[in-house]
């Protein structure tokens, strides 16, 4: 099983730590790609992005593609199962059937040894059960397994630390993961978005430094999700020093279908004074 880039919009490779597409090499069949995504609720237009991911990855790597969508509740899982059709006048040109996982069909992993043997499945379990009382125990077990893995395979450990950091976001489960990360020895020196924001805030002692760290987080999340970011959008994000506004954008970055949708709920009359700084 080899990780490949999730960049479905450009030919340049993305940094290794944002990989969310895996190349699976089963012993009894041909290789295929597994593209996974966490979905906390229904998002209008998301099916178009999914169709693009599948089509692009198959064309680029010339391999079959499976799309795995991890949902946190039954209603979202029912919607995500599709099928989603692309066509017109009764003719279907493309039909997407996501493979859906959720709290109803993913087991709860709380035993450290079991988690260590099934890290990928345990991480998906944490996402699927993010709204349940069992999630804290899952995350504790994953943290213990990753600390042990750090000694032998730090790259894989870093991948799963970052994967959960981004996909859990600012949910209660995400805050729990943040608390766990703040106490584990693996945290210092990882260079993650959260650590970068913290160090910059400490060094500058100003809201401007904190906003800069949050801005990096927004761009990181959008890249993880394979959403293109234009130069204008990037400039607007990185130049804003209004911490509350940047924080709101960071939260929206987990669900928007386009980078421009980050600003949909903001007043478009004129940029704030802090954005002009």
Protein backbone atom coordinates (compact mmCIF):
# COMPACT_ATOMS: atom_id res chain seq x y z
CA UNK A 1 0.00 0.00 0.00
CA UNK A 2 1.70 3.19 -1.22
CA UNK A 3 0.54 6.76 -0.65
CA UNK A 4 0.23 8.97 -3.74
CA UNK A 5 -0.47 12.68 -4.07
CA UNK A 6 -4.04 13.98 -3.68
CA UNK A 7 -3.41 16.92 -6.02
CA UNK A 8 -6.13 16.57 -8.67
CA UNK A 9 -5.74 20.00 -10.23
CA UNK A 10 -2.07 20.45 -11.09
CA UNK A 11 0.93 18.38 -12.15
CA UNK A 12 3.20 19.71 -9.37
CA UNK A 13 3.48 17.34 -6.40
CA UNK A 14 2.13 18.37 -3.01
CA UNK A 15 4.13 17.88 0.17
CA UNK A 16 4.05 14.31 1.45
CA UNK A 17 2.19 14.93 4.67
CA UNK A 18 -1.08 15.88 2.95
CA UNK A 19 -1.48 12.55 1.08
CA UNK A 20 -5.01 11.18 1.39
CA UNK A 21 -5.02 8.85 -1.60
CA UNK A 22 -3.59 5.36 -1.18
CA UNK A 23 -2.44 2.90 -3.79
CA UNK A 24 -3.60 -0.53 -2.70
CA UNK A 25 -1.78 -3.66 -3.88
CA UNK A 26 -3.89 -6.68 -2.94
CA UNK A 27 -2.31 -10.12 -3.15
CA UNK A 28 -5.16 -11.52 -5.23
CA UNK A 29 -5.83 -8.80 -7.80
CA UNK A 30 -4.71 -5.64 -9.58
CA UNK A 31 -3.66 -2.46 -7.81
CA UNK A 32 -6.22 0.30 -7.30
CA UNK A 33 -6.43 3.76 -5.75
CA UNK A 34 -8.46 4.46 -2.61
CA UNK A 35 -9.38 8.13 -2.25
CA UNK A 36 -10.87 8.88 1.16
CA UNK A 37 -12.70 11.92 2.48
CA UNK A 38 -14.41 12.82 5.75
CA UNK A 39 -17.92 14.27 5.49
CA UNK A 40 -19.68 15.75 8.52
CA UNK A 41 -22.81 16.78 6.62
CA UNK A 42 -24.40 17.21 3.20
CA UNK A 43 -22.65 19.79 1.02
CA UNK A 44 -24.34 21.09 -2.12
CA UNK A 45 -22.29 20.41 -5.22
CA UNK A 46 -19.93 17.99 -3.49
CA UNK A 47 -20.85 15.23 -5.89
CA UNK A 48 -19.27 17.22 -8.74
CA UNK A 49 -15.97 17.34 -6.87
CA UNK A 50 -16.13 13.61 -6.23
CA UNK A 51 -16.73 12.86 -9.91
CA UNK A 52 -13.75 15.04 -10.79
CA UNK A 53 -11.48 13.31 -8.26
CA UNK A 54 -12.36 9.86 -9.58
CA UNK A 55 -12.02 10.84 -13.23
CA UNK A 56 -8.76 12.69 -12.78
CA UNK A 57 -7.07 10.04 -10.65
CA UNK A 58 -8.05 7.25 -13.03
CA UNK A 59 -6.76 9.19 -16.04
CA UNK A 60 -3.49 10.18 -14.34
CA UNK A 61 -2.55 6.83 -12.79
CA UNK A 62 -4.42 4.49 -15.19
CA UNK A 63 -5.76 2.50 -12.25
CA UNK A 64 -9.26 1.77 -10.95
CA UNK A 65 -10.39 4.26 -8.31
CA UNK A 66 -12.58 3.76 -5.24
CA UNK A 67 -13.93 6.79 -3.38
CA UNK A 68 -14.36 6.24 0.36
CA UNK A 69 -16.53 8.78 2.21
CA UNK A 70 -16.45 8.60 6.00
CA UNK A 71 -19.63 10.02 7.57
CA UNK A 72 -20.53 10.84 11.17
CA UNK A 73 -24.27 10.16 11.05
CA UNK A 74 -26.82 8.05 9.22
CA UNK A 75 -28.42 10.93 7.29
CA UNK A 76 -25.11 12.05 5.79
CA UNK A 77 -24.18 8.45 5.00
CA UNK A 78 -27.47 7.89 3.17
CA UNK A 79 -26.88 11.00 1.04
CA UNK A 80 -23.22 10.23 0.36
CA UNK A 81 -24.02 6.74 -0.94
CA UNK A 82 -25.49 8.29 -4.08
CA UNK A 83 -25.48 7.35 -6.83
CA UNK A 84 -24.60 10.71 -8.39
CA UNK A 85 -25.25 11.06 -12.12
CA UNK A 86 -23.65 13.37 -14.64
CA UNK A 87 -25.58 13.60 -17.89
CA UNK A 88 -28.44 15.24 -19.70
CA UNK A 89 -31.79 14.43 -21.35
CA UNK A 90 -32.02 10.95 -19.93
CA UNK A 91 -28.47 9.94 -20.87
CA UNK A 92 -25.95 9.25 -18.08
CA UNK A 93 -22.35 10.03 -19.00
CA UNK A 94 -20.89 9.31 -15.58
CA UNK A 95 -22.25 7.78 -12.39
CA UNK A 96 -20.41 7.90 -9.06
CA UNK A 97 -21.03 5.38 -6.29
CA UNK A 98 -19.00 6.36 -3.21
CA UNK A 99 -18.08 3.65 -0.74
CA UNK A 100 -19.60 4.95 2.51
CA UNK A 101 -18.37 4.23 6.02
CA UNK A 102 -20.01 5.50 9.18
CA UNK A 103 -20.77 4.72 12.83
CA UNK A 104 -23.13 1.94 11.74
CA UNK A 105 -20.51 -0.10 9.86
CA UNK A 106 -17.16 0.91 11.39
CA UNK A 107 -16.17 -0.75 14.69
CA UNK A 108 -14.89 1.18 17.72
CA UNK A 109 -11.15 0.69 18.34
CA UNK A 110 -9.98 1.32 21.90
CA UNK A 111 -7.32 -1.37 22.37
CA UNK A 112 -3.83 -0.02 21.63
CA UNK A 113 -2.51 -3.30 20.20
CA UNK A 114 -5.49 -3.62 17.88
CA UNK A 115 -5.10 0.00 16.77
CA UNK A 116 -1.38 -0.51 16.08
CA UNK A 117 -2.26 -3.35 13.69
CA UNK A 118 -5.07 -1.41 11.98
CA UNK A 119 -4.01 2.26 12.07
CA UNK A 120 -5.82 3.32 8.92
CA UNK A 121 -9.06 1.65 9.99
CA UNK A 122 -8.74 3.09 13.50
CA UNK A 123 -8.30 6.61 12.10
CA UNK A 124 -11.42 6.17 9.99
CA UNK A 125 -13.23 4.85 13.06
CA UNK A 126 -12.30 8.04 14.95
CA UNK A 127 -13.84 10.12 12.16
CA UNK A 128 -16.99 8.05 11.94
CA UNK A 129 -17.54 8.09 15.71
CA UNK A 130 -16.43 11.71 16.18
CA UNK A 131 -19.82 12.66 17.64
CA UNK A 132 -20.07 9.72 20.04
CA UNK A 133 -18.88 9.40 23.62
CA UNK A 134 -16.54 6.61 22.51
CA UNK A 135 -14.40 8.86 20.32
CA UNK A 136 -12.19 10.05 23.20
CA UNK A 137 -11.16 6.47 23.97
CA UNK A 138 -10.44 5.83 20.28
CA UNK A 139 -8.21 8.90 20.06
CA UNK A 140 -6.34 7.98 23.24
CA UNK A 141 -5.61 4.52 21.82
CA UNK A 142 -4.47 5.98 18.49
CA UNK A 143 -2.20 8.45 20.27
CA UNK A 144 -0.53 5.66 22.27
CA UNK A 145 -0.05 3.55 19.14
CA UNK A 146 1.44 6.50 17.21
CA UNK A 147 3.90 7.32 19.98
CA UNK A 148 5.20 3.75 19.76
CA UNK A 149 5.26 3.91 15.96
CA UNK A 150 7.27 7.13 16.07
CA UNK A 151 10.35 5.17 17.13
CA UNK A 152 10.33 2.91 14.05
CA UNK A 153 8.37 4.79 11.37
CA UNK A 154 8.15 8.54 12.12
CA UNK A 155 6.85 9.39 8.64
CA UNK A 156 3.78 7.19 9.03
CA UNK A 157 3.21 8.46 12.56
CA UNK A 158 3.35 12.05 11.33
CA UNK A 159 0.94 11.26 8.52
CA UNK A 160 -1.73 9.98 10.91
CA UNK A 161 -1.19 12.81 13.40
CA UNK A 162 -1.73 15.37 10.63
CA UNK A 163 -4.59 13.43 9.01
CA UNK A 164 -6.64 13.51 12.21
CA UNK A 165 -5.66 17.11 12.94
CA UNK A 166 -7.12 18.28 9.63
CA UNK A 167 -10.14 16.00 9.26
CA UNK A 168 -11.42 16.42 12.83
CA UNK A 169 -10.99 20.20 12.63
CA UNK A 170 -12.65 22.26 15.37
CA UNK A 171 -15.22 19.68 16.37
CA UNK A 172 -15.30 18.49 20.01
CA UNK A 173 -13.32 15.45 18.84
CA UNK A 174 -10.84 17.80 17.17
CA UNK A 175 -10.38 19.72 20.42
CA UNK A 176 -9.82 16.42 22.22
CA UNK A 177 -7.14 15.52 19.66
CA UNK A 178 -5.57 18.94 20.18
CA UNK A 179 -5.40 18.32 23.93
CA UNK A 180 -3.82 14.92 23.37
CA UNK A 181 -1.25 16.37 20.96
CA UNK A 182 -0.28 19.07 23.45
CA UNK A 183 0.89 16.42 25.91
CA UNK A 184 2.58 13.86 23.67
CA UNK A 185 6.32 14.05 23.09
CA UNK A 186 5.78 13.86 19.33
CA UNK A 187 4.29 17.36 19.15
CA UNK A 188 7.41 19.59 19.32
CA UNK A 189 9.24 19.99 16.06
CA UNK A 190 6.58 18.46 13.82
CA UNK A 191 6.02 21.72 12.00
CA UNK A 192 2.26 21.22 11.77
CA UNK A 193 -0.16 24.04 11.15
CA UNK A 194 -1.19 24.17 14.80
CA UNK A 195 2.39 24.17 16.05
CA UNK A 196 3.41 26.84 13.54
CA UNK A 197 0.54 29.08 14.62
CA UNK A 198 1.43 28.57 18.26
CA UNK A 199 5.13 29.36 17.81
CA UNK A 200 4.42 32.44 15.73
CA UNK A 201 1.93 33.69 18.28
CA UNK A 202 4.42 33.19 21.08
CA UNK A 203 7.21 34.93 19.19
CA UNK A 204 5.18 37.95 18.12
CA UNK A 205 2.66 38.17 20.94
CA UNK A 206 0.25 39.80 18.50
CA UNK A 207 -3.02 38.87 16.82
CA UNK A 208 -1.35 39.41 13.46
CA UNK A 209 0.99 36.50 14.11
CA UNK A 210 -1.89 34.25 15.17
CA UNK A 211 -3.88 35.17 12.06
CA UNK A 212 -0.89 34.29 9.89
CA UNK A 213 -0.75 30.82 11.42
CA UNK A 214 -4.49 30.35 10.92
CA UNK A 215 -4.13 31.49 7.28
CA UNK A 216 -1.59 28.74 6.70
CA UNK A 217 -4.09 26.33 8.20
CA UNK A 218 -6.77 27.38 5.72
CA UNK A 219 -4.48 26.82 2.74
CA UNK A 220 -3.36 23.49 4.19
CA UNK A 221 -6.93 22.23 4.58
CA UNK A 222 -7.90 23.33 1.06
CA UNK A 223 -4.87 21.54 -0.39
CA UNK A 224 -5.68 18.38 1.57
CA UNK A 225 -9.20 18.44 0.10
CA UNK A 226 -7.91 19.00 -3.44
CA UNK A 227 -9.59 22.40 -3.84
CA UNK A 228 -7.81 24.84 -6.21
CA UNK A 229 -6.77 28.18 -4.71
CA UNK A 230 -6.34 31.14 -7.03
CA UNK A 231 -3.69 33.82 -6.48
CA UNK A 232 -6.39 36.34 -5.51
CA UNK A 233 -7.92 34.01 -2.91
CA UNK A 234 -4.50 33.14 -1.51
CA UNK A 235 -3.63 36.83 -1.20
CA UNK A 236 -6.90 37.64 0.54
CA UNK A 237 -6.37 34.84 3.05
CA UNK A 238 -2.73 35.54 3.84
CA UNK A 239 -3.10 39.33 4.05
CA UNK A 240 -6.02 39.32 6.49
CA UNK A 241 -5.04 40.09 10.11
CA UNK A 242 -8.56 39.94 11.57
CA UNK A 243 -8.18 36.81 13.70
CA UNK A 244 -11.95 36.26 14.15
CA UNK A 245 -12.52 36.42 10.40
CA UNK A 246 -9.60 34.14 9.59
CA UNK A 247 -10.80 31.71 12.24
CA UNK A 248 -14.24 31.62 10.58
CA UNK A 249 -12.61 30.96 7.20
CA UNK A 250 -10.61 28.11 8.71
CA UNK A 251 -13.81 26.48 9.96
CA UNK A 252 -15.51 26.89 6.56
CA UNK A 253 -12.48 25.47 4.73
CA UNK A 254 -13.48 21.97 5.89
CA UNK A 255 -16.79 21.99 3.97
CA UNK A 256 -16.73 24.53 1.11
CA UNK A 257 -16.88 23.25 -2.46
CA UNK A 258 -14.80 26.16 -3.86
CA UNK A 259 -12.14 28.31 -2.25
CA UNK A 260 -14.17 31.43 -3.09
CA UNK A 261 -17.01 30.12 -0.92
CA UNK A 262 -14.91 30.89 2.16
CA UNK A 263 -16.03 34.50 1.86
CA UNK A 264 -19.72 33.86 1.10
CA UNK A 265 -20.92 34.87 4.57
CA UNK A 266 -18.69 37.95 4.79
CA UNK A 267 -19.80 41.43 3.82
CA UNK A 268 -18.68 42.07 0.26
CA UNK A 269 -19.18 45.82 0.46
CA UNK A 270 -15.54 46.48 1.30
CA UNK A 271 -12.64 44.70 3.00
CA UNK A 272 -12.18 45.36 6.68
CA UNK A 273 -9.47 47.71 7.86
CA UNK A 274 -7.46 44.78 9.18
CA UNK A 275 -7.52 43.12 5.75
CA UNK A 276 -6.00 46.25 4.26
CA UNK A 277 -3.01 46.24 6.63
